[in-house]
Protein backbone atom coordinates (compact mmCIF):
# COMPACT_ATOMS: atom_id res chain seq x y z
CA MET A 1 0.00 0.00 0.00
CA PHE A 2 1.40 3.39 -1.02
CA ILE A 3 0.50 7.07 -0.93
CA ASP A 4 1.72 8.77 -4.11
CA TYR A 5 2.06 12.51 -4.56
CA SER A 6 2.97 12.62 -8.26
CA GLU A 7 1.90 10.93 -11.48
CA GLU A 8 5.44 9.65 -12.02
CA ALA A 9 5.50 7.92 -8.63
CA PHE A 10 2.00 6.56 -9.23
CA ARG A 11 3.02 5.04 -12.56
CA GLY A 12 6.04 3.40 -10.93
CA VAL A 13 3.97 1.80 -8.16
CA VAL A 14 1.33 0.50 -10.60
CA ARG A 15 4.05 -0.89 -12.85
CA GLN A 16 5.63 -2.74 -9.91
CA ALA A 17 2.24 -4.06 -8.79
CA PHE A 18 1.46 -5.50 -12.22
CA ASP A 19 4.94 -7.02 -12.46
CA VAL A 20 4.44 -8.88 -9.18
CA MET A 21 0.73 -9.71 -9.55
CA PRO A 22 -0.28 -9.34 -13.22
CA ASP A 23 -3.73 -10.88 -12.72
CA LYS A 24 -4.74 -8.90 -9.63
CA PRO A 25 -6.60 -5.59 -9.59
CA VAL A 26 -4.98 -2.37 -8.35
CA LEU A 27 -7.28 -0.40 -6.05
CA ILE A 28 -6.98 3.38 -6.21
CA ASP A 29 -8.37 5.77 -3.59
CA LYS A 30 -8.18 9.52 -3.32
CA PHE A 31 -6.04 10.59 -0.35
CA LEU A 32 -7.19 13.38 2.00
CA GLU A 33 -4.08 15.44 2.71
CA ASP A 34 -3.76 16.79 6.28
CA ALA A 35 -7.08 15.32 7.41
CA ILE A 36 -7.76 14.54 11.07
CA GLU A 37 -8.52 10.87 11.68
CA LEU A 38 -10.86 9.66 14.39
CA ASP A 39 -11.46 6.12 15.67
CA VAL A 40 -14.86 5.47 17.28
CA ASP A 41 -15.78 2.29 19.17
CA CYS A 42 -19.50 1.70 19.59
CA LEU A 43 -21.60 -0.98 21.33
CA SER A 44 -25.12 -1.80 20.15
CA ASP A 45 -27.80 -4.30 21.15
CA GLY A 46 -29.91 -3.68 18.05
CA THR A 47 -32.10 -1.14 19.82
CA THR A 48 -29.73 0.98 21.88
CA SER A 49 -26.30 2.10 20.68
CA VAL A 50 -23.65 3.67 22.92
CA ILE A 51 -20.28 5.09 21.93
CA GLY A 52 -17.57 3.61 24.11
CA GLY A 53 -14.91 6.11 23.11
CA MET A 54 -13.61 8.49 20.46
CA LEU A 55 -9.86 8.54 19.84
CA GLU A 56 -8.36 11.39 17.81
CA HIS A 57 -5.16 10.52 15.97
CA ILE A 58 -2.18 12.78 16.60
CA GLU A 59 -0.80 11.99 13.15
CA PHE A 60 -2.81 13.10 10.13
CA ALA A 61 -4.82 10.51 8.18
CA GLY A 62 -2.56 8.19 6.19
CA VAL A 63 -0.88 6.52 9.16
CA HIS A 64 -2.31 3.08 10.01
CA SER A 65 -4.50 3.26 13.11
CA GLY A 66 -2.36 0.58 14.75
CA ASP A 67 0.71 2.81 14.40
CA ALA A 68 -0.88 6.16 15.21
CA ALA A 69 -0.66 7.91 18.55
CA MET A 70 -4.18 8.70 19.75
CA VAL A 71 -5.80 10.97 22.30
CA MET A 72 -9.03 10.31 24.19
CA PRO A 73 -11.16 12.37 24.44
CA PRO A 74 -10.58 14.24 21.15
CA HIS A 75 -8.43 17.31 21.76
CA THR A 76 -8.86 19.56 18.70
CA LEU A 77 -12.35 18.86 17.35
CA ALA A 78 -15.26 21.23 18.04
CA PRO A 79 -18.32 20.00 19.98
CA ALA A 80 -20.49 20.45 16.86
CA MET A 81 -18.25 18.09 14.86
CA LEU A 82 -18.25 15.53 17.67
CA GLU A 83 -22.05 15.64 17.68
CA THR A 84 -22.03 15.01 13.92
CA VAL A 85 -19.73 12.03 14.53
CA ARG A 86 -22.17 10.67 17.13
CA ARG A 87 -25.15 10.92 14.79
CA ALA A 88 -23.20 9.23 11.97
CA THR A 89 -22.00 6.43 14.26
CA TYR A 90 -25.47 5.64 15.59
CA ALA A 91 -26.95 5.75 12.08
CA LEU A 92 -24.32 3.28 10.85
CA ALA A 93 -24.97 0.91 13.77
CA ARG A 94 -28.71 1.06 13.10
CA GLU A 95 -28.48 0.53 9.34
CA LEU A 96 -25.95 -2.30 9.67
CA LYS A 97 -28.05 -3.93 12.42
CA VAL A 98 -25.01 -4.32 14.64
CA ILE A 99 -25.30 -6.60 17.68
CA GLY A 100 -22.10 -6.19 19.67
CA LEU A 101 -19.12 -3.95 18.98
CA MET A 102 -18.50 -1.75 15.95
CA ASN A 103 -15.47 0.36 15.01
CA VAL A 104 -15.68 3.34 12.65
CA GLN A 105 -12.72 5.23 11.23
CA PHE A 106 -13.62 8.80 10.26
CA ALA A 107 -11.61 11.56 8.61
CA ILE A 108 -12.34 15.27 9.02
CA LYS A 109 -11.14 17.69 6.36
CA ASP A 110 -12.31 21.31 6.01
CA SER A 111 -15.21 20.66 8.45
CA GLN A 112 -16.42 17.80 6.25
CA LEU A 113 -16.85 14.33 7.78
CA TYR A 114 -15.76 11.29 5.75
CA VAL A 115 -16.22 7.60 6.59
CA LEU A 116 -13.03 5.68 5.86
CA GLU A 117 -13.98 2.27 7.18
CA VAL A 118 -16.69 0.54 9.24
CA ASN A 119 -16.02 -2.79 10.96
CA PRO A 120 -18.89 -4.52 12.81
CA ARG A 121 -16.54 -6.19 15.29
CA ALA A 122 -14.15 -5.44 18.12
CA SER A 123 -11.11 -3.37 17.19
CA ARG A 124 -7.61 -3.13 18.65
CA THR A 125 -8.63 0.08 20.45
CA VAL A 126 -11.35 -1.57 22.56
CA PRO A 127 -9.02 -2.62 25.44
CA PHE A 128 -7.59 0.90 25.55
CA VAL A 129 -11.04 2.51 25.61
CA ALA A 130 -12.25 0.08 28.26
CA LYS A 131 -9.34 1.04 30.55
CA ALA A 132 -9.88 4.75 29.85
CA ILE A 133 -13.53 4.75 30.95
CA GLY A 134 -13.43 1.82 33.38
CA VAL A 135 -16.10 -0.18 31.55
CA PRO A 136 -15.46 -3.80 30.37
CA LEU A 137 -16.67 -3.25 26.81
CA ALA A 138 -15.68 -6.69 25.50
CA LYS A 139 -17.50 -8.40 28.37
CA LEU A 140 -20.62 -6.32 27.76
CA ALA A 141 -20.44 -7.04 24.01
CA ALA A 142 -20.27 -10.78 24.66
CA LYS A 143 -23.40 -10.55 26.84
CA VAL A 144 -25.20 -8.44 24.24
CA MET A 145 -24.43 -11.05 21.58
CA THR A 146 -26.13 -13.67 23.75
CA GLY A 147 -29.32 -11.60 23.90
CA LYS A 148 -28.81 -9.19 26.80
CA LYS A 149 -29.84 -5.54 26.45
CA LEU A 150 -27.60 -2.60 27.32
CA ALA A 151 -30.31 -1.25 29.61
CA ASP A 152 -30.16 -4.48 31.63
CA LEU A 153 -26.37 -4.18 31.82
CA GLY A 154 -26.47 -0.56 33.02
CA PHE A 155 -24.59 0.92 30.05
CA THR A 156 -26.82 3.29 28.11
CA ARG A 157 -24.89 6.60 28.04
CA GLU A 158 -21.57 7.57 26.50
CA GLN A 159 -18.83 8.26 29.06
CA THR A 160 -15.81 10.45 28.31
CA PRO A 161 -12.83 10.63 30.68
CA LYS A 162 -12.22 13.94 32.46
CA HIS A 163 -8.49 13.22 32.21
CA TRP A 164 -6.36 12.69 29.09
CA CYS A 165 -5.60 9.20 27.79
CA VAL A 166 -2.82 8.86 25.21
CA LYS A 167 -2.10 5.69 23.23
CA GLU A 168 1.35 5.31 21.67
CA ALA A 169 2.59 2.50 19.44
CA VAL A 170 5.70 0.43 20.13
CA PHE A 171 7.86 -0.44 17.12
CA PRO A 172 10.38 -3.28 16.61
CA PHE A 173 12.71 -1.43 14.20
CA VAL A 174 15.79 -1.94 16.36
CA ARG A 175 15.39 -5.71 15.95
CA PHE A 176 15.29 -5.50 12.15
CA PRO A 177 18.38 -3.69 10.81
CA GLY A 178 17.76 -2.25 7.37
CA ALA A 179 13.97 -2.15 7.76
CA MET A 180 12.16 0.86 6.30
CA ILE A 181 11.50 3.20 9.23
CA THR A 182 8.45 5.29 8.42
CA LEU A 183 4.79 5.59 9.34
CA GLY A 184 2.26 4.92 6.60
CA PRO A 185 -0.87 2.95 5.70
CA GLU A 186 0.77 -0.41 6.46
CA MET A 187 0.94 -1.37 10.15
CA ARG A 188 4.43 -1.86 11.61
CA SER A 189 3.93 -1.68 15.38
CA THR A 190 3.99 -4.72 17.66
CA GLY A 191 2.42 -3.26 20.78
CA GLU A 192 1.12 -0.14 22.47
CA VAL A 193 1.30 1.77 25.74
CA MET A 194 -0.97 4.14 27.63
CA GLY A 195 -0.31 7.47 29.34
CA LEU A 196 -2.86 9.06 31.70
CA ASP A 197 -2.84 12.50 33.28
CA ALA A 198 -4.93 15.60 33.90
CA ASP A 199 -2.52 17.48 31.59
CA LEU A 200 -2.36 16.42 27.92
CA GLY A 201 1.35 17.20 27.58
CA VAL A 202 2.22 15.10 30.62
CA ALA A 203 0.00 12.24 29.42
CA PHE A 204 1.82 12.26 26.07
CA ALA A 205 5.20 12.36 27.82
CA LYS A 206 4.21 9.38 29.99
CA ALA A 207 3.22 7.40 26.90
CA GLN A 208 6.58 8.21 25.26
CA ALA A 209 8.45 7.15 28.39
CA ALA A 210 6.60 3.83 28.38
CA ALA A 211 7.19 3.25 24.65
CA LYS A 212 10.87 4.24 25.06
CA PRO A 213 12.90 6.27 24.71
CA GLY A 214 11.24 9.10 26.61
CA LEU A 215 11.22 12.77 25.69
CA PRO A 216 14.42 14.74 26.44
CA VAL A 217 14.27 17.95 28.47
CA LYS A 218 17.59 19.39 27.28
CA GLY A 219 20.29 18.93 24.66
CA THR A 220 20.36 19.08 20.87
CA VAL A 221 17.62 18.33 18.33
CA PHE A 222 18.40 17.26 14.77
CA LEU A 223 15.71 18.78 12.55
CA SER A 224 15.33 17.79 8.90
CA VAL A 225 11.92 17.85 7.22
CA LYS A 226 10.34 17.57 3.79
CA ASP A 227 9.52 20.75 1.88
CA ALA A 228 5.82 20.62 2.76
CA ASP A 229 6.68 20.67 6.49
CA LYS A 230 9.31 23.42 6.44
CA ALA A 231 6.91 26.27 7.33
CA ARG A 232 5.67 24.43 10.42
CA ALA A 233 9.20 23.32 11.26
CA VAL A 234 10.23 26.95 11.74
CA ASP A 235 7.65 27.41 14.49
CA LEU A 236 8.64 24.11 16.13
CA ALA A 237 12.31 25.12 16.03
CA ARG A 238 11.49 28.43 17.73
CA GLN A 239 9.66 26.58 20.48
CA LEU A 240 12.59 24.21 20.97
CA VAL A 241 15.02 27.12 21.28
CA GLU A 242 12.72 28.77 23.83
CA LEU A 243 12.79 25.50 25.79
CA GLY A 244 16.60 25.62 25.88
CA PHE A 245 17.48 23.21 23.06
CA GLU A 246 20.09 23.69 20.37
CA ILE A 247 19.13 22.92 16.77
CA CYS A 248 21.22 21.23 14.09
CA SER A 249 20.08 20.45 10.56
CA THR A 250 21.22 19.82 7.01
CA SER A 251 21.47 22.58 4.41
CA GLY A 252 17.86 22.79 3.19
CA THR A 253 16.23 23.03 6.60
CA ALA A 254 19.10 25.14 7.97
CA LYS A 255 18.54 27.76 5.25
CA ILE A 256 14.82 28.00 5.98
CA LEU A 257 15.54 28.39 9.70
CA ALA A 258 18.21 31.05 9.07
CA ASP A 259 15.88 32.98 6.74
CA ASN A 260 13.36 33.09 9.59
CA GLY A 261 15.83 34.12 12.28
CA VAL A 262 16.26 30.75 13.97
CA ALA A 263 19.85 29.78 14.74
CA SER A 264 20.95 26.25 13.90
CA LYS A 265 24.20 24.37 13.38
CA ARG A 266 24.57 23.11 9.83
CA LEU A 267 25.54 19.45 9.48
CA ALA A 268 26.85 17.72 6.39
CA LYS A 269 24.56 15.28 4.66
CA LEU A 270 25.76 11.69 4.91
CA SER A 271 26.94 11.85 1.30
CA GLU A 272 28.84 15.10 1.93
CA GLY A 273 31.19 13.87 4.65
CA ARG A 274 31.59 14.37 8.38
CA PRO A 275 30.52 15.28 10.97
CA ASN A 276 26.97 14.29 10.06
CA ALA A 277 23.83 13.40 11.98
CA VAL A 278 24.73 9.72 12.36
CA ASP A 279 28.12 10.63 13.84
CA LEU A 280 26.53 12.93 16.43
CA ILE A 281 23.87 10.35 17.32
CA LYS A 282 26.52 7.68 17.89
CA ASN A 283 28.52 10.13 20.04
CA GLY A 284 25.51 10.95 22.23
CA GLN A 285 25.43 14.56 21.00
CA ILE A 286 21.85 14.46 19.69
CA GLN A 287 18.96 13.86 22.10
CA MET A 288 16.06 14.04 19.66
CA VAL A 289 15.50 13.58 15.93
CA ILE A 290 12.67 15.19 13.97
CA ASN A 291 12.79 13.82 10.44
CA THR A 292 9.79 13.69 8.10
CA PRO A 293 10.14 11.74 4.83
CA GLY A 294 9.95 13.39 1.44
CA GLY A 295 8.03 10.45 -0.02
CA MET A 296 6.42 7.16 0.89
CA ILE A 297 9.78 5.37 0.87
CA PRO A 298 12.49 7.19 2.87
CA ARG A 299 15.69 8.07 1.08
CA ARG A 300 18.78 6.11 2.10
CA ASP A 301 20.19 8.92 4.26
CA GLU A 302 16.86 9.35 6.09
CA ASN A 303 16.66 5.67 6.94
CA LEU A 304 20.27 5.53 8.15
CA ILE A 305 19.65 8.48 10.48
CA ARG A 306 16.48 6.91 11.85
CA ALA A 307 18.13 3.52 12.27
CA ALA A 308 20.96 5.15 14.23
CA ALA A 309 18.43 6.92 16.45
CA TYR A 310 16.66 3.66 17.27
CA ALA A 311 19.93 1.81 17.81
CA HIS A 312 21.14 4.43 20.32
CA SER A 313 17.78 5.03 22.07
CA VAL A 314 17.35 8.56 20.77
CA CYS A 315 13.81 9.97 20.73
CA ILE A 316 12.60 10.23 17.12
CA MET A 317 9.53 11.81 15.52
CA THR A 318 8.75 11.10 11.85
CA THR A 319 5.62 13.26 11.47
CA ILE A 320 5.28 17.01 11.99
CA THR A 321 2.16 16.54 14.15
CA GLY A 322 4.00 14.01 16.31
CA ALA A 323 6.85 16.50 16.70
CA ALA A 324 4.40 19.20 17.81
CA ALA A 325 2.90 16.84 20.40
CA ALA A 326 6.41 15.93 21.61
CA ILE A 327 7.29 19.60 22.13
CA ASN A 328 4.09 20.08 24.15
CA GLY A 329 5.12 17.07 26.20
CA ILE A 330 8.62 18.48 26.77
CA ARG A 331 7.16 21.81 27.87
CA ALA A 332 4.87 20.01 30.32
CA LEU A 333 7.78 18.00 31.75
CA LYS A 334 9.76 21.20 32.35
CA GLN A 335 6.88 23.17 33.84
CA LYS A 336 4.68 20.66 35.68
CA ASP A 337 4.99 17.92 38.27
CA VAL A 338 4.73 14.41 36.87
CA GLY A 339 2.90 12.17 39.30
CA VAL A 340 2.27 8.44 39.36
CA ARG A 341 -1.16 6.98 40.11
CA PRO A 342 -2.61 3.48 39.76
CA ILE A 343 -5.00 3.18 36.85
CA GLN A 344 -7.74 2.12 39.25
CA SER A 345 -7.73 5.62 40.78
CA TYR A 346 -9.03 7.03 37.48
CA ARG A 347 -12.13 4.81 37.53
CA GLY A 348 -15.29 6.88 37.68
CA ASN A 349 -13.49 10.05 36.57
CA VAL A 350 -15.81 10.50 33.56
CA ASN A 351 -18.40 12.83 32.12
CA VAL A 352 -21.68 11.24 31.01
CA VAL A 353 -22.75 12.55 27.61
């Protein structure tokens, strides 16, 4: 599965697909650039439907839901859009005559709601949602499928946590040298972790600490992004400098930063000589890498930098939205107390919709 941004790249992918599987169809979908993706888990008994949880992806649509970091409850969507999502979810459950669990993947672009996928079954997010709201959704679904009603089980209203719940994926890249290190429509993660807190930044930082490595609070950040992300990268670089970090980057990103008054140390590209980003990572001189790919398949230099980061336990962000969330997490770590509480203490800390 690929996301192509040019006709030339599209022709190359189709040619490869026909070479490998000449008798199989090639499915083509239109991609929504910079759309917000939302996972919704719903439970229905055929008469009553209740949303278990809505999880907003931190990464834009295009990253597999199993690899995406998610926030519950949604953190950027307006109440009116969430109400539209509710109506659409309940209408889908009713029309599909769902008895049990249902997962819907929505995308929101320019205030327009799109349905990406509907699965009348349990999804991988159900255990996370169940822990977030303190309701055993899978157990209730099993009872509903045997004929019980949600009213009899005492679950008839949507519950949203008053605190923030962040899901982060765990990746096995360090165990597979040479593997392509990027987030896309094909799932690569092998696990997930959960971060809970009253502050969203702290919750994200907790999730990163659990997924390893955690977010740094000082040091040097290597910043190198694709052209489409350069405008946002300038703002992120400013925030990092304000937080006390030094910035280093290769020529393209360094020029954009300099043109906008952000100081950075220019590093040689791997093909240009030394010292380069890989050298500094190996020497422990870089504490965080922000590197977004210029295409679906990372260039050789990009992958070598990312592989070095994973091998030396350096925090790495490969999407601009993930980098923004990481900076919010770093700011929270520097400004707020990070406490530890058992998950059971969050039970009942919900709003009933």
